[in-house]
Amino acid sequence: EPEAESGAPAKKRGPVPITGFLRSFYGATYLFDQIGQETG
C-alpha cells in the first residue's frame, strides 16, 4: 500500500462483515475470556 511505502502506518482492517446466520453458546467462553485478561 502507498502508506507503507511512505513510512506511514498501514491501515487497519475493519470488522469482518457478517454474511450468515449463526447461533452459538457464549456464556462460559465469555467467562474464560475475562479470566484470561484478569490473570494476564
PDB file of all heavy atoms in Angstrom:
ATOM      1  N   GLU A   1       0.826  -1.186   0.000  1.00  0.00           N
ATOM      2  CA  GLU A   1       0.000   0.000   0.000  1.00  0.00           C
ATOM      3  C   GLU A   1       0.872   1.254   0.000  1.00  0.00           C
ATOM      4  O   GLU A   1       1.996   1.254   0.523  1.00  0.00           O
ATOM      5  CB  GLU A   1      -0.914   0.002   1.237  1.00  0.00           C
ATOM      6  CG  GLU A   1      -1.909  -1.141   1.201  1.00  0.00           C
ATOM      7  CD  GLU A   1      -2.807  -1.127   2.417  1.00  0.00           C
ATOM      8  OE1 GLU A   1      -2.690  -0.186   3.224  1.00  0.00           O
ATOM      9  OE2 GLU A   1      -3.617  -2.038   2.554  1.00  0.00           O
ATOM     10  N   PRO A   2       0.367   2.372  -0.575  1.00  0.00           N
ATOM     11  CA  PRO A   2       1.168   3.609  -0.629  1.00  0.00           C
ATOM     12  C   PRO A   2       1.590   4.088   0.748  1.00  0.00           C
ATOM     13  O   PRO A   2       2.676   4.607   0.913  1.00  0.00           O
ATOM     14  CB  PRO A   2       0.204   4.603  -1.297  1.00  0.00           C
ATOM     15  CG  PRO A   2      -0.780   3.760  -2.049  1.00  0.00           C
ATOM     16  CD  PRO A   2      -0.914   2.489  -1.283  1.00  0.00           C
ATOM     17  N   GLU A   3       0.717   3.927   1.780  1.00  0.00           N
ATOM     18  CA  GLU A   3       1.072   4.398   3.105  1.00  0.00           C
ATOM     19  C   GLU A   3       2.295   3.675   3.642  1.00  0.00           C
ATOM     20  O   GLU A   3       3.142   4.251   4.322  1.00  0.00           O
ATOM     21  CB  GLU A   3      -0.102   4.189   4.073  1.00  0.00           C
ATOM     22  CG  GLU A   3      -1.310   5.051   3.798  1.00  0.00           C
ATOM     23  CD  GLU A   3      -2.227   4.420   2.761  1.00  0.00           C
ATOM     24  OE1 GLU A   3      -1.853   3.373   2.193  1.00  0.00           O
ATOM     25  OE2 GLU A   3      -3.298   4.971   2.498  1.00  0.00           O
ATOM     26  N   ALA A   4       2.400   2.361   3.326  1.00  0.00           N
ATOM     27  CA  ALA A   4       3.530   1.574   3.808  1.00  0.00           C
ATOM     28  C   ALA A   4       4.821   2.039   3.147  1.00  0.00           C
ATOM     29  O   ALA A   4       5.878   2.059   3.754  1.00  0.00           O
ATOM     30  CB  ALA A   4       3.285   0.090   3.557  1.00  0.00           C
ATOM     31  N   GLU A   5       4.731   2.416   1.847  1.00  0.00           N
ATOM     32  CA  GLU A   5       5.932   2.845   1.141  1.00  0.00           C
ATOM     33  C   GLU A   5       6.416   4.196   1.666  1.00  0.00           C
ATOM     34  O   GLU A   5       7.600   4.484   1.698  1.00  0.00           O
ATOM     35  CB  GLU A   5       5.639   2.937  -0.357  1.00  0.00           C
ATOM     36  CG  GLU A   5       5.394   1.573  -1.000  1.00  0.00           C
ATOM     37  CD  GLU A   5       5.077   1.709  -2.473  1.00  0.00           C
ATOM     38  OE1 GLU A   5       4.939   2.860  -2.938  1.00  0.00           O
ATOM     39  OE2 GLU A   5       4.988   0.686  -3.162  1.00  0.00           O
ATOM     40  N   SER A   6       5.477   5.035   2.084  1.00  0.00           N
ATOM     41  CA  SER A   6       5.866   6.367   2.550  1.00  0.00           C
ATOM     42  C   SER A   6       6.299   6.390   3.998  1.00  0.00           C
ATOM     43  O   SER A   6       6.692   7.421   4.515  1.00  0.00           O
ATOM     44  CB  SER A   6       4.688   7.330   2.365  1.00  0.00           C
ATOM     45  OG  SER A   6       3.602   6.906   3.173  1.00  0.00           O
ATOM     46  N   GLY A   7       6.169   5.244   4.670  1.00  0.00           N
ATOM     47  CA  GLY A   7       6.571   5.176   6.065  1.00  0.00           C
ATOM     48  C   GLY A   7       5.427   5.385   7.029  1.00  0.00           C
ATOM     49  O   GLY A   7       5.577   5.240   8.239  1.00  0.00           O
ATOM     50  N   ALA A   8       4.232   5.760   6.549  1.00  0.00           N
ATOM     51  CA  ALA A   8       3.072   5.947   7.418  1.00  0.00           C
ATOM     52  C   ALA A   8       2.517   4.590   7.829  1.00  0.00           C
ATOM     53  O   ALA A   8       2.690   3.605   7.116  1.00  0.00           O
ATOM     54  CB  ALA A   8       1.998   6.754   6.686  1.00  0.00           C
ATOM     55  N   PRO A   9       1.848   4.489   8.968  1.00  0.00           N
ATOM     56  CA  PRO A   9       1.296   3.207   9.403  1.00  0.00           C
ATOM     57  C   PRO A   9       0.223   2.704   8.446  1.00  0.00           C
ATOM     58  O   PRO A   9      -0.569   3.484   7.914  1.00  0.00           O
ATOM     59  CB  PRO A   9       0.697   3.526  10.783  1.00  0.00           C
ATOM     60  CG  PRO A   9       0.483   5.008  10.772  1.00  0.00           C
ATOM     61  CD  PRO A   9       1.560   5.561   9.920  1.00  0.00           C
ATOM     62  N   ALA A  10       0.247   1.373   8.233  1.00  0.00           N
ATOM     63  CA  ALA A  10      -0.732   0.765   7.335  1.00  0.00           C
ATOM     64  C   ALA A  10      -2.116   0.834   7.960  1.00  0.00           C
ATOM     65  O   ALA A  10      -2.274   0.817   9.173  1.00  0.00           O
ATOM     66  CB  ALA A  10      -0.349  -0.690   7.052  1.00  0.00           C
ATOM     67  N   LYS A  11      -3.114   0.931   7.111  1.00  0.00           N
ATOM     68  CA  LYS A  11      -4.486   0.988   7.603  1.00  0.00           C
ATOM     69  C   LYS A  11      -4.899  -0.352   8.200  1.00  0.00           C
ATOM     70  O   LYS A  11      -4.589  -1.394   7.667  1.00  0.00           O
ATOM     71  CB  LYS A  11      -5.437   1.350   6.454  1.00  0.00           C
ATOM     72  CG  LYS A  11      -5.231   2.757   5.908  1.00  0.00           C
ATOM     73  CD  LYS A  11      -6.211   3.028   4.780  1.00  0.00           C
ATOM     74  CE  LYS A  11      -6.020   4.436   4.224  1.00  0.00           C
ATOM     75  NZ  LYS A  11      -6.959   4.722   3.113  1.00  0.00           N
ATOM     76  N   LYS A  12      -5.613  -0.276   9.328  1.00  0.00           N
ATOM     77  CA  LYS A  12      -6.113  -1.494   9.948  1.00  0.00           C
ATOM     78  C   LYS A  12      -7.354  -1.980   9.215  1.00  0.00           C
ATOM     79  O   LYS A  12      -8.156  -1.193   8.730  1.00  0.00           O
ATOM     80  CB  LYS A  12      -6.443  -1.248  11.421  1.00  0.00           C
ATOM     81  CG  LYS A  12      -5.228  -0.944  12.277  1.00  0.00           C
ATOM     82  CD  LYS A  12      -5.640  -0.799  13.735  1.00  0.00           C
ATOM     83  CE  LYS A  12      -4.414  -0.529  14.608  1.00  0.00           C
ATOM     84  NZ  LYS A  12      -4.794  -0.369  16.041  1.00  0.00           N
ATOM     85  N   ARG A  13      -7.486  -3.292   9.171  1.00  0.00           N
ATOM     86  CA  ARG A  13      -8.669  -3.853   8.555  1.00  0.00           C
ATOM     87  C   ARG A  13      -9.892  -3.601   9.431  1.00  0.00           C
ATOM     88  O   ARG A  13      -9.816  -3.665  10.651  1.00  0.00           O
ATOM     89  CB  ARG A  13      -8.504  -5.358   8.349  1.00  0.00           C
ATOM     90  CG  ARG A  13      -7.453  -5.718   7.315  1.00  0.00           C
ATOM     91  CD  ARG A  13      -7.416  -7.200   7.112  1.00  0.00           C
ATOM     92  NE  ARG A  13      -6.428  -7.586   6.120  1.00  0.00           N
ATOM     93  CZ  ARG A  13      -6.201  -8.847   5.749  1.00  0.00           C
ATOM     94  NH1 ARG A  13      -6.882  -9.823   6.309  1.00  0.00           N
ATOM     95  NH2 ARG A  13      -5.299  -9.114   4.826  1.00  0.00           N
ATOM     96  N   GLY A  14     -10.994  -3.338   8.827  1.00  0.00           N
ATOM     97  CA  GLY A  14     -12.230  -3.127   9.567  1.00  0.00           C
ATOM     98  C   GLY A  14     -12.818  -4.455  10.012  1.00  0.00           C
ATOM     99  O   GLY A  14     -12.287  -5.531   9.735  1.00  0.00           O
ATOM    100  N   PRO A  15     -13.937  -4.411  10.719  1.00  0.00           N
ATOM    101  CA  PRO A  15     -14.589  -5.646  11.174  1.00  0.00           C
ATOM    102  C   PRO A  15     -15.056  -6.496  10.006  1.00  0.00           C
ATOM    103  O   PRO A  15     -15.480  -5.970   8.972  1.00  0.00           O
ATOM    104  CB  PRO A  15     -15.761  -5.123  12.009  1.00  0.00           C
ATOM    105  CG  PRO A  15     -16.006  -3.731  11.518  1.00  0.00           C
ATOM    106  CD  PRO A  15     -14.667  -3.203  11.121  1.00  0.00           C
ATOM    107  N   VAL A  16     -14.942  -7.793  10.166  1.00  0.00           N
ATOM    108  CA  VAL A  16     -15.373  -8.718   9.112  1.00  0.00           C
ATOM    109  C   VAL A  16     -16.903  -8.697   9.056  1.00  0.00           C
ATOM    110  O   VAL A  16     -17.564  -8.897  10.089  1.00  0.00           O
ATOM    111  CB  VAL A  16     -14.869 -10.144   9.396  1.00  0.00           C
ATOM    112  CG1 VAL A  16     -15.361 -11.103   8.318  1.00  0.00           C
ATOM    113  CG2 VAL A  16     -13.351 -10.146   9.464  1.00  0.00           C
ATOM    114  N   PRO A  17     -17.491  -8.450   7.917  1.00  0.00           N
ATOM    115  CA  PRO A  17     -18.952  -8.385   7.846  1.00  0.00           C
ATOM    116  C   PRO A  17     -19.578  -9.759   8.110  1.00  0.00           C
ATOM    117  O   PRO A  17     -19.020 -10.791   7.779  1.00  0.00           O
ATOM    118  CB  PRO A  17     -19.211  -7.918   6.409  1.00  0.00           C
ATOM    119  CG  PRO A  17     -17.983  -8.316   5.648  1.00  0.00           C
ATOM    120  CD  PRO A  17     -16.851  -8.191   6.615  1.00  0.00           C
ATOM    121  N   ILE A  18     -20.748  -9.737   8.720  1.00  0.00           N
ATOM    122  CA  ILE A  18     -21.485 -10.973   8.998  1.00  0.00           C
ATOM    123  C   ILE A  18     -22.247 -11.361   7.745  1.00  0.00           C
ATOM    124  O   ILE A  18     -23.070 -10.591   7.223  1.00  0.00           O
ATOM    125  CB  ILE A  18     -22.438 -10.769  10.192  1.00  0.00           C
ATOM    126  CG1 ILE A  18     -21.631 -10.466  11.454  1.00  0.00           C
ATOM    127  CG2 ILE A  18     -23.327 -11.989  10.404  1.00  0.00           C
ATOM    128  CD1 ILE A  18     -22.476 -10.076  12.650  1.00  0.00           C
ATOM    129  N   THR A  19     -21.961 -12.547   7.239  1.00  0.00           N
ATOM    130  CA  THR A  19     -22.558 -12.975   5.963  1.00  0.00           C
ATOM    131  C   THR A  19     -23.560 -14.108   6.112  1.00  0.00           C
ATOM    132  O   THR A  19     -24.193 -14.496   5.141  1.00  0.00           O
ATOM    133  CB  THR A  19     -21.450 -13.426   4.999  1.00  0.00           C
ATOM    134  OG1 THR A  19     -20.703 -14.501   5.617  1.00  0.00           O
ATOM    135  CG2 THR A  19     -20.503 -12.278   4.685  1.00  0.00           C
ATOM    136  N   GLY A  20     -23.679 -14.668   7.330  1.00  0.00           N
ATOM    137  CA  GLY A  20     -24.609 -15.787   7.528  1.00  0.00           C
ATOM    138  C   GLY A  20     -25.215 -15.759   8.911  1.00  0.00           C
ATOM    139  O   GLY A  20     -24.812 -14.989   9.788  1.00  0.00           O
ATOM    140  N   PHE A  21     -26.198 -16.612   9.106  1.00  0.00           N
ATOM    141  CA  PHE A  21     -26.841 -16.737  10.409  1.00  0.00           C
ATOM    142  C   PHE A  21     -26.067 -17.740  11.270  1.00  0.00           C
ATOM    143  O   PHE A  21     -25.645 -18.793  10.785  1.00  0.00           O
ATOM    144  CB  PHE A  21     -28.285 -17.212  10.242  1.00  0.00           C
ATOM    145  CG  PHE A  21     -29.172 -16.199   9.579  1.00  0.00           C
ATOM    146  CD1 PHE A  21     -29.352 -16.198   8.199  1.00  0.00           C
ATOM    147  CD2 PHE A  21     -29.824 -15.235  10.332  1.00  0.00           C
ATOM    148  CE1 PHE A  21     -30.159 -15.259   7.586  1.00  0.00           C
ATOM    149  CE2 PHE A  21     -30.644 -14.294   9.724  1.00  0.00           C
ATOM    150  CZ  PHE A  21     -30.811 -14.296   8.344  1.00  0.00           C
ATOM    151  N   LEU A  22     -25.874 -17.386  12.537  1.00  0.00           N
ATOM    152  CA  LEU A  22     -25.140 -18.278  13.438  1.00  0.00           C
ATOM    153  C   LEU A  22     -25.639 -18.078  14.862  1.00  0.00           C
ATOM    154  O   LEU A  22     -25.737 -16.955  15.348  1.00  0.00           O
ATOM    155  CB  LEU A  22     -23.637 -17.974  13.371  1.00  0.00           C
ATOM    156  CG  LEU A  22     -22.729 -18.836  14.262  1.00  0.00           C
ATOM    157  CD1 LEU A  22     -22.766 -20.297  13.814  1.00  0.00           C
ATOM    158  CD2 LEU A  22     -21.293 -18.311  14.234  1.00  0.00           C
ATOM    159  N   ARG A  23     -25.956 -19.183  15.532  1.00  0.00           N
ATOM    160  CA  ARG A  23     -26.361 -19.149  16.932  1.00  0.00           C
ATOM    161  C   ARG A  23     -25.408 -20.060  17.704  1.00  0.00           C
ATOM    162  O   ARG A  23     -25.306 -21.253  17.404  1.00  0.00           O
ATOM    163  CB  ARG A  23     -27.807 -19.613  17.093  1.00  0.00           C
ATOM    164  CG  ARG A  23     -28.374 -19.357  18.496  1.00  0.00           C
ATOM    165  CD  ARG A  23     -29.795 -19.892  18.617  1.00  0.00           C
ATOM    166  NE  ARG A  23     -30.692 -19.256  17.680  1.00  0.00           N
ATOM    167  CZ  ARG A  23     -31.327 -18.105  17.898  1.00  0.00           C
ATOM    168  NH1 ARG A  23     -31.133 -17.471  19.056  1.00  0.00           N
ATOM    169  NH2 ARG A  23     -32.127 -17.592  16.996  1.00  0.00           N
ATOM    170  N   SER A  24     -24.687 -19.500  18.679  1.00  0.00           N
ATOM    171  CA  SER A  24     -23.651 -20.260  19.379  1.00  0.00           C
ATOM    172  C   SER A  24     -23.750 -20.023  20.888  1.00  0.00           C
ATOM    173  O   SER A  24     -24.222 -18.975  21.345  1.00  0.00           O
ATOM    174  CB  SER A  24     -22.258 -19.834  18.900  1.00  0.00           C
ATOM    175  OG  SER A  24     -22.119 -19.952  17.514  1.00  0.00           O
ATOM    176  N   PHE A  25     -23.267 -21.021  21.656  1.00  0.00           N
ATOM    177  CA  PHE A  25     -23.165 -20.861  23.101  1.00  0.00           C
ATOM    178  C   PHE A  25     -21.997 -19.916  23.394  1.00  0.00           C
ATOM    179  O   PHE A  25     -20.919 -20.022  22.808  1.00  0.00           O
ATOM    180  CB  PHE A  25     -22.944 -22.206  23.776  1.00  0.00           C
ATOM    181  CG  PHE A  25     -24.132 -23.130  23.658  1.00  0.00           C
ATOM    182  CD1 PHE A  25     -24.029 -24.340  22.990  1.00  0.00           C
ATOM    183  CD2 PHE A  25     -25.358 -22.781  24.197  1.00  0.00           C
ATOM    184  CE1 PHE A  25     -25.113 -25.180  22.877  1.00  0.00           C
ATOM    185  CE2 PHE A  25     -26.452 -23.619  24.094  1.00  0.00           C
ATOM    186  CZ  PHE A  25     -26.338 -24.822  23.424  1.00  0.00           C
ATOM    187  N   TYR A  26     -22.216 -19.034  24.364  1.00  0.00           N
ATOM    188  CA  TYR A  26     -21.286 -17.918  24.539  1.00  0.00           C
ATOM    189  C   TYR A  26     -20.884 -17.667  25.998  1.00  0.00           C
ATOM    190  O   TYR A  26     -19.785 -17.178  26.275  1.00  0.00           O
ATOM    191  CB  TYR A  26     -21.943 -16.659  23.958  1.00  0.00           C
ATOM    192  CG  TYR A  26     -21.180 -15.379  24.138  1.00  0.00           C
ATOM    193  CD1 TYR A  26     -19.936 -15.196  23.532  1.00  0.00           C
ATOM    194  CD2 TYR A  26     -21.709 -14.328  24.888  1.00  0.00           C
ATOM    195  CE1 TYR A  26     -19.241 -13.999  23.678  1.00  0.00           C
ATOM    196  CE2 TYR A  26     -21.016 -13.130  25.042  1.00  0.00           C
ATOM    197  CZ  TYR A  26     -19.789 -12.967  24.435  1.00  0.00           C
ATOM    198  OH  TYR A  26     -19.101 -11.795  24.574  1.00  0.00           O
ATOM    199  N   GLY A  27     -21.755 -18.010  26.961  1.00  0.00           N
ATOM    200  CA  GLY A  27     -21.574 -17.573  28.343  1.00  0.00           C
ATOM    201  C   GLY A  27     -20.297 -18.053  28.998  1.00  0.00           C
ATOM    202  O   GLY A  27     -19.560 -17.266  29.604  1.00  0.00           O
ATOM    203  N   ALA A  28     -19.975 -19.363  28.906  1.00  0.00           N
ATOM    204  CA  ALA A  28     -18.798 -19.907  29.583  1.00  0.00           C
ATOM    205  C   ALA A  28     -17.515 -19.415  28.930  1.00  0.00           C
ATOM    206  O   ALA A  28     -16.539 -19.091  29.622  1.00  0.00           O
ATOM    207  CB  ALA A  28     -18.847 -21.431  29.586  1.00  0.00           C
ATOM    208  N   THR A  29     -17.501 -19.346  27.602  1.00  0.00           N
ATOM    209  CA  THR A  29     -16.282 -18.879  26.940  1.00  0.00           C
ATOM    210  C   THR A  29     -16.080 -17.377  27.185  1.00  0.00           C
ATOM    211  O   THR A  29     -14.933 -16.905  27.251  1.00  0.00           O
ATOM    212  CB  THR A  29     -16.319 -19.162  25.432  1.00  0.00           C
ATOM    213  OG1 THR A  29     -17.530 -18.638  24.870  1.00  0.00           O
ATOM    214  CG2 THR A  29     -16.276 -20.653  25.165  1.00  0.00           C
ATOM    215  N   TYR A  30     -17.171 -16.626  27.345  1.00  0.00           N
ATOM    216  CA  TYR A  30     -17.037 -15.220  27.731  1.00  0.00           C
ATOM    217  C   TYR A  30     -16.369 -15.125  29.107  1.00  0.00           C
ATOM    218  O   TYR A  30     -15.490 -14.273  29.314  1.00  0.00           O
ATOM    219  CB  TYR A  30     -18.417 -14.552  27.768  1.00  0.00           C
ATOM    220  CG  TYR A  30     -18.418 -13.223  28.491  1.00  0.00           C
ATOM    221  CD1 TYR A  30     -17.997 -12.063  27.847  1.00  0.00           C
ATOM    222  CD2 TYR A  30     -18.813 -13.135  29.825  1.00  0.00           C
ATOM    223  CE1 TYR A  30     -17.978 -10.844  28.515  1.00  0.00           C
ATOM    224  CE2 TYR A  30     -18.793 -11.920  30.497  1.00  0.00           C
ATOM    225  CZ  TYR A  30     -18.381 -10.779  29.842  1.00  0.00           C
ATOM    226  OH  TYR A  30     -18.355  -9.582  30.515  1.00  0.00           O
ATOM    227  N   LEU A  31     -16.785 -15.987  30.025  1.00  0.00           N
ATOM    228  CA  LEU A  31     -16.163 -16.017  31.355  1.00  0.00           C
ATOM    229  C   LEU A  31     -14.667 -16.256  31.241  1.00  0.00           C
ATOM    230  O   LEU A  31     -13.858 -15.554  31.879  1.00  0.00           O
ATOM    231  CB  LEU A  31     -16.807 -17.113  32.206  1.00  0.00           C
ATOM    232  CG  LEU A  31     -16.133 -17.422  33.547  1.00  0.00           C
ATOM    233  CD1 LEU A  31     -16.274 -16.235  34.506  1.00  0.00           C
ATOM    234  CD2 LEU A  31     -16.708 -18.693  34.169  1.00  0.00           C
ATOM    235  N   PHE A  32     -14.264 -17.229  30.420  1.00  0.00           N
ATOM    236  CA  PHE A  32     -12.836 -17.540  30.275  1.00  0.00           C
ATOM    237  C   PHE A  32     -12.073 -16.390  29.625  1.00  0.00           C
ATOM    238  O   PHE A  32     -10.910 -16.125  29.969  1.00  0.00           O
ATOM    239  CB  PHE A  32     -12.652 -18.823  29.471  1.00  0.00           C
ATOM    240  CG  PHE A  32     -13.217 -20.041  30.137  1.00  0.00           C
ATOM    241  CD1 PHE A  32     -13.726 -21.086  29.386  1.00  0.00           C
ATOM    242  CD2 PHE A  32     -13.265 -20.155  31.512  1.00  0.00           C
ATOM    243  CE1 PHE A  32     -14.250 -22.205  29.991  1.00  0.00           C
ATOM    244  CE2 PHE A  32     -13.791 -21.263  32.127  1.00  0.00           C
ATOM    245  CZ  PHE A  32     -14.286 -22.293  31.367  1.00  0.00           C
ATOM    246  N   ASP A  33     -12.727 -15.686  28.677  1.00  0.00           N
ATOM    247  CA  ASP A  33     -12.074 -14.523  28.066  1.00  0.00           C
ATOM    248  C   ASP A  33     -11.734 -13.477  29.126  1.00  0.00           C
ATOM    249  O   ASP A  33     -10.638 -12.887  29.113  1.00  0.00           O
ATOM    250  CB  ASP A  33     -12.985 -13.897  27.008  1.00  0.00           C
ATOM    251  CG  ASP A  33     -13.085 -14.739  25.751  1.00  0.00           C
ATOM    252  OD1 ASP A  33     -12.239 -15.630  25.556  1.00  0.00           O
ATOM    253  OD2 ASP A  33     -14.026 -14.506  24.966  1.00  0.00           O
ATOM    254  N   GLN A  34     -12.678 -13.247  30.049  1.00  0.00           N
ATOM    255  CA  GLN A  34     -12.452 -12.245  31.096  1.00  0.00           C
ATOM    256  C   GLN A  34     -11.377 -12.717  32.075  1.00  0.00           C
ATOM    257  O   GLN A  34     -10.557 -11.923  32.540  1.00  0.00           O
ATOM    258  CB  GLN A  34     -13.761 -11.960  31.843  1.00  0.00           C
ATOM    259  CG  GLN A  34     -14.909 -11.528  30.946  1.00  0.00           C
ATOM    260  CD  GLN A  34     -14.529 -10.413  29.996  1.00  0.00           C
ATOM    261  OE1 GLN A  34     -14.077  -9.351  30.428  1.00  0.00           O
ATOM    262  NE2 GLN A  34     -14.705 -10.638  28.706  1.00  0.00           N
ATOM    263  N   ILE A  35     -11.384 -14.010  32.401  1.00  0.00           N
ATOM    264  CA  ILE A  35     -10.357 -14.554  33.298  1.00  0.00           C
ATOM    265  C   ILE A  35      -8.982 -14.426  32.652  1.00  0.00           C
ATOM    266  O   ILE A  35      -7.993 -14.082  33.316  1.00  0.00           O
ATOM    267  CB  ILE A  35     -10.663 -16.024  33.638  1.00  0.00           C
ATOM    268  CG1 ILE A  35     -11.932 -16.122  34.488  1.00  0.00           C
ATOM    269  CG2 ILE A  35      -9.490 -16.671  34.377  1.00  0.00           C
ATOM    270  CD1 ILE A  35     -12.401 -17.549  34.731  1.00  0.00           C
ATOM    271  N   GLY A  36      -8.904 -14.692  31.352  1.00  0.00           N
ATOM    272  CA  GLY A  36      -7.632 -14.576  30.638  1.00  0.00           C
ATOM    273  C   GLY A  36      -7.068 -13.175  30.689  1.00  0.00           C
ATOM    274  O   GLY A  36      -5.848 -12.976  30.790  1.00  0.00           O
ATOM    275  N   GLN A  37      -7.954 -12.165  30.647  1.00  0.00           N
ATOM    276  CA  GLN A  37      -7.496 -10.783  30.746  1.00  0.00           C
ATOM    277  C   GLN A  37      -7.102 -10.439  32.176  1.00  0.00           C
ATOM    278  O   GLN A  37      -6.096  -9.746  32.410  1.00  0.00           O
ATOM    279  CB  GLN A  37      -8.602  -9.851  30.255  1.00  0.00           C
ATOM    280  CG  GLN A  37      -8.906 -10.003  28.768  1.00  0.00           C
ATOM    281  CD  GLN A  37     -10.074  -9.148  28.318  1.00  0.00           C
ATOM    282  OE1 GLN A  37     -10.419  -8.154  28.957  1.00  0.00           O
ATOM    283  NE2 GLN A  37     -10.710  -9.534  27.221  1.00  0.00           N
ATOM    284  N   GLU A  38      -7.876 -10.908  33.153  1.00  0.00           N
ATOM    285  CA  GLU A  38      -7.612 -10.600  34.552  1.00  0.00           C
ATOM    286  C   GLU A  38      -6.294 -11.199  35.025  1.00  0.00           C
ATOM    287  O   GLU A  38      -5.526 -10.552  35.748  1.00  0.00           O
ATOM    288  CB  GLU A  38      -8.765 -11.142  35.410  1.00  0.00           C
ATOM    289  CG  GLU A  38      -8.554 -11.040  36.913  1.00  0.00           C
ATOM    290  CD  GLU A  38      -8.541  -9.617  37.428  1.00  0.00           C
ATOM    291  OE1 GLU A  38      -9.068  -8.717  36.723  1.00  0.00           O
ATOM    292  OE2 GLU A  38      -7.994  -9.391  38.516  1.00  0.00           O
ATOM    293  N   THR A  39      -6.014 -12.434  34.639  1.00  0.00           N
ATOM    294  CA  THR A  39      -4.798 -13.127  35.083  1.00  0.00           C
ATOM    295  C   THR A  39      -3.589 -12.819  34.216  1.00  0.00           C
ATOM    296  O   THR A  39      -2.466 -13.173  34.578  1.00  0.00           O
ATOM    297  CB  THR A  39      -5.017 -14.642  35.081  1.00  0.00           C
ATOM    298  OG1 THR A  39      -5.367 -15.067  33.742  1.00  0.00           O
ATOM    299  CG2 THR A  39      -6.140 -15.050  36.032  1.00  0.00           C
ATOM    300  N   GLY A  40      -3.813 -12.185  33.060  1.00  0.00           N
ATOM    301  CA  GLY A  40      -2.710 -11.918  32.145  1.00  0.00           C
ATOM    302  C   GLY A  40      -2.338 -13.113  31.290  1.00  0.00           C
ATOM    303  O   GLY A  40      -1.370 -13.051  30.526  1.00  0.00           O
TER     304      GLY A  40
END
